[in-house]
């Protein structure tokens, strides 16, 4: 099942479960807050550890791919990097997503006084950690093949996302375009 659809199903299930949690009880609310903070600290800690593992492995294998431009299909961008830098970049994106989520949750909970999202996001934090591809490769030790092959596919809700192109023809065409622009 597509991870985006899984997230939707888990969110809907967590919402139904959250309706049964008595958030009016201050003790229950304190436990939910503790669970949310602990989950976010755990997720950030695992991402930080993943970054350390990536730096420790220091894989300097060259990675070339063509990044599609969804607005202008003719303006695709050639990316040349190393596996180490690519994995660090992906881990950085994951950490920024956690920071953004914590900021949104702080606003929603502290300013708007919503409590159910704390419960739901505590569960979703663990789900995103499970789905994180750099974590699967560098912490869980899974081989970088199939869905874990670099560059990672950006799965959309219904598979509509445009994935990076790694075939030789697309890379050669992008290199020609870069060469023409430099002239």
N, C-alpha and C. Protein backbone atom coordinates (compact mmCIF):
# COMPACT_ATOMS: atom_id res chain seq x y z
N UNK A 1 0.84 -1.18 0.00
CA UNK A 1 0.00 0.00 0.00
C UNK A 1 0.89 1.25 0.00
N UNK A 2 0.48 2.25 -0.71
CA UNK A 2 1.19 3.52 -0.82
C UNK A 2 1.32 4.16 0.58
N UNK A 3 2.53 4.66 0.94
CA UNK A 3 2.71 5.27 2.27
C UNK A 3 1.77 6.45 2.54
N UNK A 4 1.42 7.22 1.51
CA UNK A 4 0.50 8.33 1.72
C UNK A 4 -0.90 7.83 2.09
N UNK A 5 -1.31 6.74 1.46
CA UNK A 5 -2.61 6.15 1.78
C UNK A 5 -2.56 5.53 3.18
N UNK A 6 -1.43 4.91 3.52
CA UNK A 6 -1.27 4.37 4.87
C UNK A 6 -1.37 5.47 5.91
N UNK A 7 -0.73 6.61 5.66
CA UNK A 7 -0.80 7.74 6.58
C UNK A 7 -2.23 8.22 6.76
N UNK A 8 -2.97 8.27 5.66
CA UNK A 8 -4.36 8.69 5.73
C UNK A 8 -5.19 7.71 6.57
N UNK A 9 -5.00 6.42 6.34
CA UNK A 9 -5.75 5.41 7.09
C UNK A 9 -5.38 5.47 8.57
N UNK A 10 -4.10 5.60 8.88
CA UNK A 10 -3.68 5.68 10.28
C UNK A 10 -4.22 6.94 10.94
N UNK A 11 -4.19 8.06 10.22
CA UNK A 11 -4.73 9.31 10.76
C UNK A 11 -6.22 9.18 11.08
N UNK A 12 -6.97 8.62 10.14
CA UNK A 12 -8.40 8.45 10.37
C UNK A 12 -8.68 7.51 11.55
N UNK A 13 -7.91 6.44 11.64
CA UNK A 13 -8.06 5.52 12.77
C UNK A 13 -7.68 6.18 14.08
N UNK A 14 -6.60 6.96 14.07
CA UNK A 14 -6.17 7.66 15.28
C UNK A 14 -7.20 8.71 15.69
N UNK A 15 -7.84 9.36 14.73
CA UNK A 15 -8.89 10.33 15.07
C UNK A 15 -10.06 9.66 15.77
N UNK A 16 -10.43 8.48 15.29
CA UNK A 16 -11.53 7.76 15.92
C UNK A 16 -11.14 7.33 17.34
N UNK A 17 -9.90 6.91 17.49
CA UNK A 17 -9.40 6.52 18.81
C UNK A 17 -9.29 7.73 19.73
N UNK A 18 -8.87 8.86 19.19
CA UNK A 18 -8.70 10.08 19.99
C UNK A 18 -10.05 10.59 20.52
N UNK A 19 -11.12 10.29 19.84
CA UNK A 19 -12.45 10.70 20.32
C UNK A 19 -12.79 10.02 21.64
N UNK A 20 -12.18 8.86 21.90
CA UNK A 20 -12.48 8.11 23.11
C UNK A 20 -11.55 8.47 24.28
N UNK A 21 -10.52 9.27 24.01
CA UNK A 21 -9.58 9.67 25.06
C UNK A 21 -10.14 10.87 25.80
N UNK A 22 -10.21 10.80 27.13
CA UNK A 22 -10.75 11.92 27.91
C UNK A 22 -9.72 13.04 28.11
N UNK A 23 -9.62 13.94 27.14
CA UNK A 23 -8.65 15.02 27.20
C UNK A 23 -9.02 16.07 28.26
N UNK A 24 -10.23 16.00 28.80
CA UNK A 24 -10.64 16.94 29.86
C UNK A 24 -9.89 16.66 31.15
N UNK A 25 -9.48 15.43 31.34
CA UNK A 25 -8.72 15.04 32.53
C UNK A 25 -7.30 15.58 32.41
N UNK A 26 -6.85 16.44 33.33
CA UNK A 26 -5.51 17.02 33.24
C UNK A 26 -4.39 15.99 33.26
N UNK A 27 -4.60 14.89 33.96
CA UNK A 27 -3.57 13.85 34.02
C UNK A 27 -3.42 13.16 32.65
N UNK A 28 -4.53 12.87 32.01
CA UNK A 28 -4.49 12.25 30.68
C UNK A 28 -3.84 13.21 29.69
N UNK A 29 -4.19 14.49 29.76
CA UNK A 29 -3.60 15.48 28.87
C UNK A 29 -2.09 15.57 29.08
N UNK A 30 -1.65 15.49 30.32
CA UNK A 30 -0.21 15.53 30.62
C UNK A 30 0.48 14.31 30.01
N UNK A 31 -0.13 13.15 30.11
CA UNK A 31 0.46 11.93 29.53
C UNK A 31 0.54 12.02 28.01
N UNK A 32 -0.48 12.59 27.40
CA UNK A 32 -0.47 12.74 25.94
C UNK A 32 0.62 13.72 25.53
N UNK A 33 0.77 14.81 26.28
CA UNK A 33 1.85 15.77 25.99
C UNK A 33 3.22 15.11 26.12
N UNK A 34 3.39 14.33 27.17
CA UNK A 34 4.67 13.63 27.38
C UNK A 34 4.93 12.66 26.24
N UNK A 35 3.89 11.93 25.83
CA UNK A 35 4.04 10.97 24.72
C UNK A 35 4.41 11.70 23.43
N UNK A 36 3.80 12.84 23.17
CA UNK A 36 4.11 13.60 21.95
C UNK A 36 5.56 14.08 21.97
N UNK A 37 5.97 14.69 23.07
CA UNK A 37 7.34 15.21 23.17
C UNK A 37 8.35 14.06 23.08
N UNK A 38 8.07 12.96 23.76
CA UNK A 38 8.98 11.81 23.73
C UNK A 38 9.11 11.25 22.31
N UNK A 39 8.00 11.19 21.60
CA UNK A 39 8.03 10.69 20.22
C UNK A 39 8.88 11.60 19.34
N UNK A 40 8.69 12.91 19.46
CA UNK A 40 9.45 13.84 18.63
C UNK A 40 10.94 13.80 18.97
N UNK A 41 11.26 13.69 20.26
CA UNK A 41 12.67 13.58 20.67
C UNK A 41 13.27 12.29 20.13
N UNK A 42 12.52 11.19 20.20
CA UNK A 42 12.99 9.91 19.68
C UNK A 42 13.25 10.02 18.17
N UNK A 43 12.31 10.59 17.44
CA UNK A 43 12.45 10.71 15.98
C UNK A 43 13.66 11.57 15.64
N UNK A 44 13.81 12.71 16.29
CA UNK A 44 14.97 13.57 16.02
C UNK A 44 16.27 12.87 16.40
N UNK A 45 16.27 12.12 17.49
CA UNK A 45 17.46 11.38 17.90
C UNK A 45 17.85 10.32 16.88
N UNK A 46 16.87 9.61 16.35
CA UNK A 46 17.16 8.59 15.34
C UNK A 46 17.67 9.24 14.05
N UNK A 47 17.09 10.37 13.66
CA UNK A 47 17.58 11.07 12.47
C UNK A 47 19.01 11.58 12.68
N UNK A 48 19.29 12.09 13.87
CA UNK A 48 20.65 12.55 14.17
C UNK A 48 21.63 11.38 14.11
N UNK A 49 21.24 10.24 14.69
CA UNK A 49 22.08 9.04 14.65
C UNK A 49 22.28 8.57 13.20
N UNK A 50 21.22 8.66 12.41
CA UNK A 50 21.33 8.29 11.00
C UNK A 50 22.36 9.17 10.29
N UNK A 51 22.32 10.48 10.57
CA UNK A 51 23.31 11.39 9.99
C UNK A 51 24.73 11.02 10.40
N UNK A 52 24.91 10.63 11.64
CA UNK A 52 26.23 10.20 12.11
C UNK A 52 26.68 8.94 11.37
N UNK A 53 25.77 8.01 11.17
CA UNK A 53 26.10 6.78 10.46
C UNK A 53 26.47 7.07 9.00
N UNK A 54 25.76 7.98 8.39
CA UNK A 54 26.06 8.35 7.00
C UNK A 54 27.46 8.95 6.92
N UNK A 55 27.77 9.84 7.84
CA UNK A 55 29.10 10.47 7.85
C UNK A 55 30.19 9.45 8.14
N UNK A 56 29.88 8.49 9.00
CA UNK A 56 30.84 7.44 9.35
C UNK A 56 31.15 6.55 8.14
N UNK A 57 30.12 6.18 7.38
CA UNK A 57 30.31 5.34 6.19
C UNK A 57 31.03 6.11 5.09
N UNK A 58 30.74 7.40 4.94
CA UNK A 58 31.41 8.28 3.98
C UNK A 58 31.47 7.68 2.57
N UNK A 59 30.32 7.26 2.06
CA UNK A 59 30.22 6.66 0.73
C UNK A 59 30.33 7.75 -0.33
N UNK A 60 31.46 7.78 -1.04
CA UNK A 60 31.73 8.81 -2.04
C UNK A 60 31.36 8.38 -3.46
N UNK A 61 30.51 7.38 -3.60
CA UNK A 61 30.04 6.93 -4.90
C UNK A 61 29.26 8.06 -5.57
N UNK A 62 29.60 8.33 -6.83
CA UNK A 62 28.94 9.41 -7.56
C UNK A 62 27.52 8.99 -7.92
N UNK A 63 26.60 9.90 -7.72
CA UNK A 63 25.19 9.67 -8.02
C UNK A 63 24.72 10.76 -8.97
N UNK A 64 24.29 10.35 -10.17
CA UNK A 64 23.78 11.30 -11.17
C UNK A 64 22.33 10.96 -11.45
N UNK A 65 21.51 12.01 -11.50
CA UNK A 65 20.12 11.81 -11.86
C UNK A 65 19.56 13.13 -12.38
N UNK A 66 18.43 13.04 -13.06
CA UNK A 66 17.76 14.21 -13.60
C UNK A 66 16.53 14.47 -12.74
N UNK A 67 16.53 15.64 -12.12
CA UNK A 67 15.42 16.03 -11.26
C UNK A 67 14.35 16.69 -12.12
N UNK A 68 13.15 16.14 -12.14
CA UNK A 68 12.11 16.72 -12.99
C UNK A 68 11.59 18.04 -12.43
N UNK A 69 11.24 18.94 -13.35
CA UNK A 69 10.63 20.21 -12.98
C UNK A 69 9.14 20.09 -13.29
N UNK A 70 8.28 20.02 -12.26
CA UNK A 70 6.85 19.81 -12.53
C UNK A 70 6.18 20.97 -13.26
N UNK A 71 6.72 22.17 -13.13
CA UNK A 71 6.12 23.33 -13.79
C UNK A 71 6.50 23.42 -15.27
N UNK A 72 7.75 23.03 -15.58
CA UNK A 72 8.24 23.11 -16.96
C UNK A 72 8.98 21.81 -17.28
N UNK A 73 8.30 20.84 -17.89
CA UNK A 73 8.93 19.55 -18.16
C UNK A 73 10.20 19.64 -19.01
N UNK A 74 10.38 20.70 -19.76
CA UNK A 74 11.56 20.86 -20.59
C UNK A 74 12.77 21.38 -19.81
N UNK A 75 12.55 21.84 -18.59
CA UNK A 75 13.63 22.43 -17.80
C UNK A 75 14.06 21.51 -16.66
N UNK A 76 14.25 20.25 -16.98
CA UNK A 76 14.72 19.31 -15.97
C UNK A 76 16.15 19.63 -15.58
N UNK A 77 16.50 19.33 -14.33
CA UNK A 77 17.80 19.72 -13.79
C UNK A 77 18.67 18.50 -13.54
N UNK A 78 19.90 18.54 -14.05
CA UNK A 78 20.86 17.47 -13.82
C UNK A 78 21.50 17.67 -12.45
N UNK A 79 21.50 16.62 -11.64
CA UNK A 79 22.09 16.68 -10.31
C UNK A 79 23.22 15.66 -10.25
N UNK A 80 24.40 16.12 -9.88
CA UNK A 80 25.55 15.24 -9.67
C UNK A 80 26.00 15.42 -8.23
N UNK A 81 25.97 14.35 -7.47
CA UNK A 81 26.32 14.40 -6.06
C UNK A 81 26.93 13.06 -5.65
N UNK A 82 27.19 12.89 -4.37
CA UNK A 82 27.67 11.61 -3.87
C UNK A 82 26.56 10.97 -3.04
N UNK A 83 26.67 9.69 -2.82
CA UNK A 83 25.67 8.98 -2.01
C UNK A 83 25.63 9.59 -0.60
N UNK A 84 26.81 9.92 -0.05
CA UNK A 84 26.88 10.51 1.28
C UNK A 84 26.11 11.82 1.33
N UNK A 85 26.39 12.70 0.39
CA UNK A 85 25.73 14.00 0.38
C UNK A 85 24.22 13.88 0.13
N UNK A 86 23.84 12.96 -0.74
CA UNK A 86 22.42 12.76 -1.03
C UNK A 86 21.69 12.27 0.22
N UNK A 87 22.27 11.28 0.90
CA UNK A 87 21.63 10.75 2.11
C UNK A 87 21.57 11.80 3.21
N UNK A 88 22.62 12.61 3.36
CA UNK A 88 22.59 13.68 4.35
C UNK A 88 21.52 14.71 4.01
N UNK A 89 21.38 15.01 2.73
CA UNK A 89 20.35 15.96 2.30
C UNK A 89 18.95 15.42 2.61
N UNK A 90 18.73 14.15 2.33
CA UNK A 90 17.43 13.54 2.60
C UNK A 90 17.14 13.50 4.11
N UNK A 91 18.15 13.20 4.91
CA UNK A 91 17.98 13.18 6.36
C UNK A 91 17.68 14.59 6.87
N UNK A 92 18.33 15.58 6.29
CA UNK A 92 18.08 16.97 6.66
C UNK A 92 16.63 17.36 6.34
N UNK A 93 16.11 16.91 5.21
CA UNK A 93 14.72 17.18 4.86
C UNK A 93 13.77 16.58 5.89
N UNK A 94 14.10 15.36 6.32
CA UNK A 94 13.26 14.69 7.32
C UNK A 94 13.27 15.46 8.65
N UNK A 95 14.45 15.94 9.05
CA UNK A 95 14.55 16.70 10.30
C UNK A 95 13.79 18.03 10.20
N UNK A 96 13.89 18.70 9.06
CA UNK A 96 13.14 19.95 8.89
C UNK A 96 11.64 19.71 8.96
N UNK A 97 11.18 18.58 8.43
CA UNK A 97 9.76 18.24 8.50
C UNK A 97 9.32 18.06 9.95
N UNK A 98 10.18 17.46 10.77
CA UNK A 98 9.86 17.29 12.19
C UNK A 98 9.79 18.65 12.88
N UNK A 99 10.77 19.52 12.60
CA UNK A 99 10.77 20.86 13.20
C UNK A 99 9.51 21.64 12.81
N UNK A 100 9.16 21.56 11.55
CA UNK A 100 7.96 22.25 11.08
C UNK A 100 6.71 21.69 11.77
N UNK A 101 6.64 20.38 11.89
CA UNK A 101 5.51 19.75 12.55
C UNK A 101 5.40 20.14 14.02
N UNK A 102 6.54 20.24 14.70
CA UNK A 102 6.54 20.65 16.11
C UNK A 102 6.07 22.10 16.22
N UNK A 103 6.52 22.95 15.31
CA UNK A 103 6.09 24.35 15.34
C UNK A 103 4.58 24.47 15.10
N UNK A 104 4.07 23.72 14.13
CA UNK A 104 2.63 23.74 13.87
C UNK A 104 1.85 23.21 15.06
N UNK A 105 2.36 22.14 15.65
CA UNK A 105 1.67 21.55 16.79
C UNK A 105 1.70 22.49 17.99
N UNK A 106 2.82 23.19 18.19
CA UNK A 106 2.90 24.16 19.29
C UNK A 106 1.85 25.24 19.09
N UNK A 107 1.72 25.75 17.87
CA UNK A 107 0.71 26.76 17.57
C UNK A 107 -0.70 26.22 17.82
N UNK A 108 -0.97 25.04 17.27
CA UNK A 108 -2.32 24.47 17.40
C UNK A 108 -2.68 24.14 18.84
N UNK A 109 -1.71 23.66 19.60
CA UNK A 109 -2.02 23.23 20.97
C UNK A 109 -1.97 24.40 21.95
N UNK A 110 -0.93 25.22 21.88
CA UNK A 110 -0.78 26.28 22.87
C UNK A 110 -1.67 27.49 22.58
N UNK A 111 -1.81 27.86 21.32
CA UNK A 111 -2.58 29.04 20.98
C UNK A 111 -4.05 28.72 20.74
N UNK A 112 -4.29 27.67 19.96
CA UNK A 112 -5.67 27.34 19.58
C UNK A 112 -6.31 26.32 20.52
N UNK A 113 -5.53 25.76 21.42
CA UNK A 113 -6.02 24.83 22.47
C UNK A 113 -6.57 23.51 21.93
N UNK A 114 -6.07 23.04 20.77
CA UNK A 114 -6.46 21.73 20.27
C UNK A 114 -5.62 20.67 20.97
N UNK A 115 -6.25 19.57 21.35
CA UNK A 115 -5.51 18.51 22.05
C UNK A 115 -5.44 17.21 21.25
N UNK A 116 -6.45 16.91 20.46
CA UNK A 116 -6.45 15.66 19.70
C UNK A 116 -5.26 15.53 18.75
N UNK A 117 -4.81 16.60 18.08
CA UNK A 117 -3.66 16.46 17.19
C UNK A 117 -2.39 16.00 17.89
N UNK A 118 -2.25 16.30 19.17
CA UNK A 118 -1.07 15.80 19.90
C UNK A 118 -1.04 14.28 19.88
N UNK A 119 -2.17 13.68 20.15
CA UNK A 119 -2.28 12.23 20.18
C UNK A 119 -2.01 11.64 18.79
N UNK A 120 -2.62 12.25 17.79
CA UNK A 120 -2.48 11.74 16.42
C UNK A 120 -1.04 11.88 15.94
N UNK A 121 -0.41 13.03 16.20
CA UNK A 121 0.95 13.26 15.73
C UNK A 121 1.98 12.42 16.49
N UNK A 122 1.67 12.04 17.71
CA UNK A 122 2.57 11.12 18.43
C UNK A 122 2.64 9.79 17.69
N UNK A 123 1.49 9.34 17.19
CA UNK A 123 1.46 8.08 16.42
C UNK A 123 2.08 8.25 15.04
N UNK A 124 1.78 9.38 14.40
CA UNK A 124 2.29 9.60 13.04
C UNK A 124 3.81 9.80 13.03
N UNK A 125 4.36 10.32 14.11
CA UNK A 125 5.82 10.48 14.20
C UNK A 125 6.52 9.14 14.09
N UNK A 126 5.96 8.14 14.76
CA UNK A 126 6.53 6.80 14.69
C UNK A 126 6.37 6.20 13.29
N UNK A 127 5.24 6.51 12.64
CA UNK A 127 4.99 6.01 11.28
C UNK A 127 5.99 6.62 10.30
N UNK A 128 6.25 7.92 10.41
CA UNK A 128 7.20 8.54 9.49
C UNK A 128 8.62 8.04 9.74
N UNK A 129 8.93 7.74 10.98
CA UNK A 129 10.23 7.17 11.30
C UNK A 129 10.38 5.80 10.64
N UNK A 130 9.33 5.02 10.69
CA UNK A 130 9.33 3.69 10.06
C UNK A 130 9.48 3.79 8.54
N UNK A 131 8.89 4.84 7.94
CA UNK A 131 8.93 5.01 6.48
C UNK A 131 10.20 5.69 5.98
N UNK A 132 11.00 6.27 6.85
CA UNK A 132 12.18 7.04 6.44
C UNK A 132 13.21 6.13 5.77
N UNK A 133 13.50 6.41 4.52
CA UNK A 133 14.41 5.56 3.74
C UNK A 133 15.85 5.62 4.21
N UNK A 134 16.40 6.78 4.58
CA UNK A 134 17.77 6.78 5.12
C UNK A 134 17.90 5.97 6.41
N UNK A 135 16.85 5.97 7.23
CA UNK A 135 16.87 5.19 8.46
C UNK A 135 16.87 3.70 8.13
N UNK A 136 16.07 3.31 7.15
CA UNK A 136 16.01 1.90 6.75
C UNK A 136 17.37 1.42 6.26
N UNK A 137 18.08 2.27 5.53
CA UNK A 137 19.38 1.87 4.97
C UNK A 137 20.48 1.89 6.02
N UNK A 138 20.59 3.00 6.75
CA UNK A 138 21.76 3.20 7.61
C UNK A 138 21.58 2.73 9.05
N UNK A 139 20.35 2.61 9.53
CA UNK A 139 20.13 2.16 10.91
C UNK A 139 19.66 0.71 10.92
N UNK A 140 18.69 0.39 10.07
CA UNK A 140 18.15 -0.97 10.04
C UNK A 140 18.98 -1.91 9.17
N UNK A 141 19.89 -1.36 8.36
CA UNK A 141 20.79 -2.17 7.57
C UNK A 141 20.18 -2.82 6.34
N UNK A 142 19.08 -2.28 5.84
CA UNK A 142 18.47 -2.83 4.63
C UNK A 142 19.31 -2.44 3.42
N UNK A 143 19.38 -3.30 2.41
CA UNK A 143 20.15 -2.95 1.20
C UNK A 143 19.44 -1.86 0.39
N UNK A 144 20.22 -1.03 -0.27
CA UNK A 144 19.68 0.09 -1.06
C UNK A 144 19.26 -0.40 -2.44
N UNK A 145 18.20 -1.16 -2.47
CA UNK A 145 17.67 -1.68 -3.73
C UNK A 145 16.15 -1.64 -3.68
N UNK A 146 15.53 -1.70 -4.83
CA UNK A 146 14.07 -1.62 -4.89
C UNK A 146 13.60 -0.21 -4.54
N UNK A 147 12.70 -0.09 -3.57
CA UNK A 147 12.20 1.21 -3.14
C UNK A 147 13.27 2.05 -2.45
N UNK A 148 14.32 1.40 -1.95
CA UNK A 148 15.38 2.11 -1.24
C UNK A 148 16.53 2.52 -2.16
N UNK A 149 16.38 2.27 -3.46
CA UNK A 149 17.43 2.64 -4.41
C UNK A 149 17.46 4.16 -4.57
N UNK A 150 18.67 4.69 -4.58
CA UNK A 150 18.84 6.14 -4.73
C UNK A 150 18.81 6.51 -6.20
N UNK A 151 18.29 7.64 -6.58
CA UNK A 151 17.56 8.60 -5.78
C UNK A 151 16.18 8.06 -5.42
N UNK A 152 15.73 8.40 -4.23
CA UNK A 152 14.46 7.88 -3.74
C UNK A 152 13.30 8.43 -4.55
N UNK A 153 12.31 7.59 -4.75
CA UNK A 153 11.12 8.02 -5.47
C UNK A 153 10.25 8.83 -4.51
N UNK A 154 9.72 9.93 -5.01
CA UNK A 154 8.84 10.79 -4.21
C UNK A 154 7.41 10.37 -4.47
N UNK A 155 6.92 9.44 -3.70
CA UNK A 155 5.59 8.91 -3.92
C UNK A 155 4.51 9.92 -3.63
N UNK A 156 3.65 10.17 -4.60
CA UNK A 156 2.52 11.06 -4.40
C UNK A 156 1.34 10.28 -3.85
N UNK A 157 0.25 10.98 -3.63
CA UNK A 157 -0.93 10.35 -3.04
C UNK A 157 -1.44 9.20 -3.91
N UNK A 158 -1.50 9.40 -5.19
CA UNK A 158 -2.00 8.37 -6.10
C UNK A 158 -0.96 7.98 -7.14
N UNK A 159 0.31 8.11 -6.78
CA UNK A 159 1.39 7.76 -7.70
C UNK A 159 1.61 8.80 -8.78
N UNK A 160 1.11 10.02 -8.57
CA UNK A 160 1.19 11.06 -9.60
C UNK A 160 2.50 11.84 -9.55
N UNK A 161 3.31 11.58 -8.56
CA UNK A 161 4.56 12.35 -8.43
C UNK A 161 5.52 11.97 -9.55
N UNK A 162 6.27 12.95 -10.02
CA UNK A 162 7.27 12.67 -11.05
C UNK A 162 8.57 12.30 -10.36
N UNK A 163 9.09 11.15 -10.69
CA UNK A 163 10.28 10.63 -10.03
C UNK A 163 11.54 11.06 -10.77
N UNK A 164 12.67 11.09 -10.06
CA UNK A 164 13.95 11.40 -10.71
C UNK A 164 14.27 10.34 -11.76
N UNK A 165 14.88 10.80 -12.85
CA UNK A 165 15.24 9.88 -13.93
C UNK A 165 16.71 9.51 -13.77
N UNK A 166 16.98 8.21 -13.83
CA UNK A 166 18.36 7.74 -13.66
C UNK A 166 18.88 7.04 -14.91
N UNK A 167 18.07 6.95 -15.94
CA UNK A 167 18.52 6.25 -17.15
C UNK A 167 19.56 7.09 -17.89
N UNK A 168 20.45 6.40 -18.59
CA UNK A 168 21.57 7.05 -19.28
C UNK A 168 21.11 8.06 -20.31
N UNK A 169 20.04 7.78 -21.03
CA UNK A 169 19.56 8.69 -22.06
C UNK A 169 19.12 10.03 -21.45
N UNK A 170 18.40 9.99 -20.35
CA UNK A 170 17.94 11.23 -19.70
C UNK A 170 19.11 12.03 -19.16
N UNK A 171 20.11 11.34 -18.59
CA UNK A 171 21.29 12.01 -18.05
C UNK A 171 22.10 12.65 -19.18
N UNK A 172 22.28 11.91 -20.29
CA UNK A 172 23.02 12.46 -21.43
C UNK A 172 22.32 13.69 -22.02
N UNK A 173 21.01 13.64 -22.12
CA UNK A 173 20.24 14.76 -22.66
C UNK A 173 20.37 15.99 -21.74
N UNK A 174 20.30 15.76 -20.43
CA UNK A 174 20.43 16.87 -19.48
C UNK A 174 21.85 17.46 -19.52
N UNK A 175 22.86 16.60 -19.71
CA UNK A 175 24.24 17.09 -19.82
C UNK A 175 24.42 17.94 -21.08
N UNK A 176 23.76 17.56 -22.17
CA UNK A 176 23.83 18.35 -23.41
C UNK A 176 23.21 19.72 -23.20
N UNK A 177 22.07 19.77 -22.50
CA UNK A 177 21.41 21.05 -22.24
C UNK A 177 22.28 21.94 -21.36
N UNK A 178 22.95 21.35 -20.38
CA UNK A 178 23.84 22.12 -19.52
C UNK A 178 25.02 22.65 -20.33
N UNK A 179 25.52 21.82 -21.23
CA UNK A 179 26.64 22.23 -22.09
C UNK A 179 26.24 23.38 -23.01
N UNK A 180 25.02 23.37 -23.55
CA UNK A 180 24.55 24.45 -24.43
C UNK A 180 24.39 25.76 -23.65
N UNK A 181 23.94 25.68 -22.41
CA UNK A 181 23.74 26.89 -21.61
C UNK A 181 25.07 27.53 -21.24
N UNK A 182 26.12 26.71 -21.08
CA UNK A 182 27.41 27.24 -20.70
C UNK A 182 28.12 27.93 -21.87
N UNK A 183 27.75 27.59 -23.11
CA UNK A 183 28.41 28.19 -24.30
C UNK A 183 28.11 29.65 -24.48
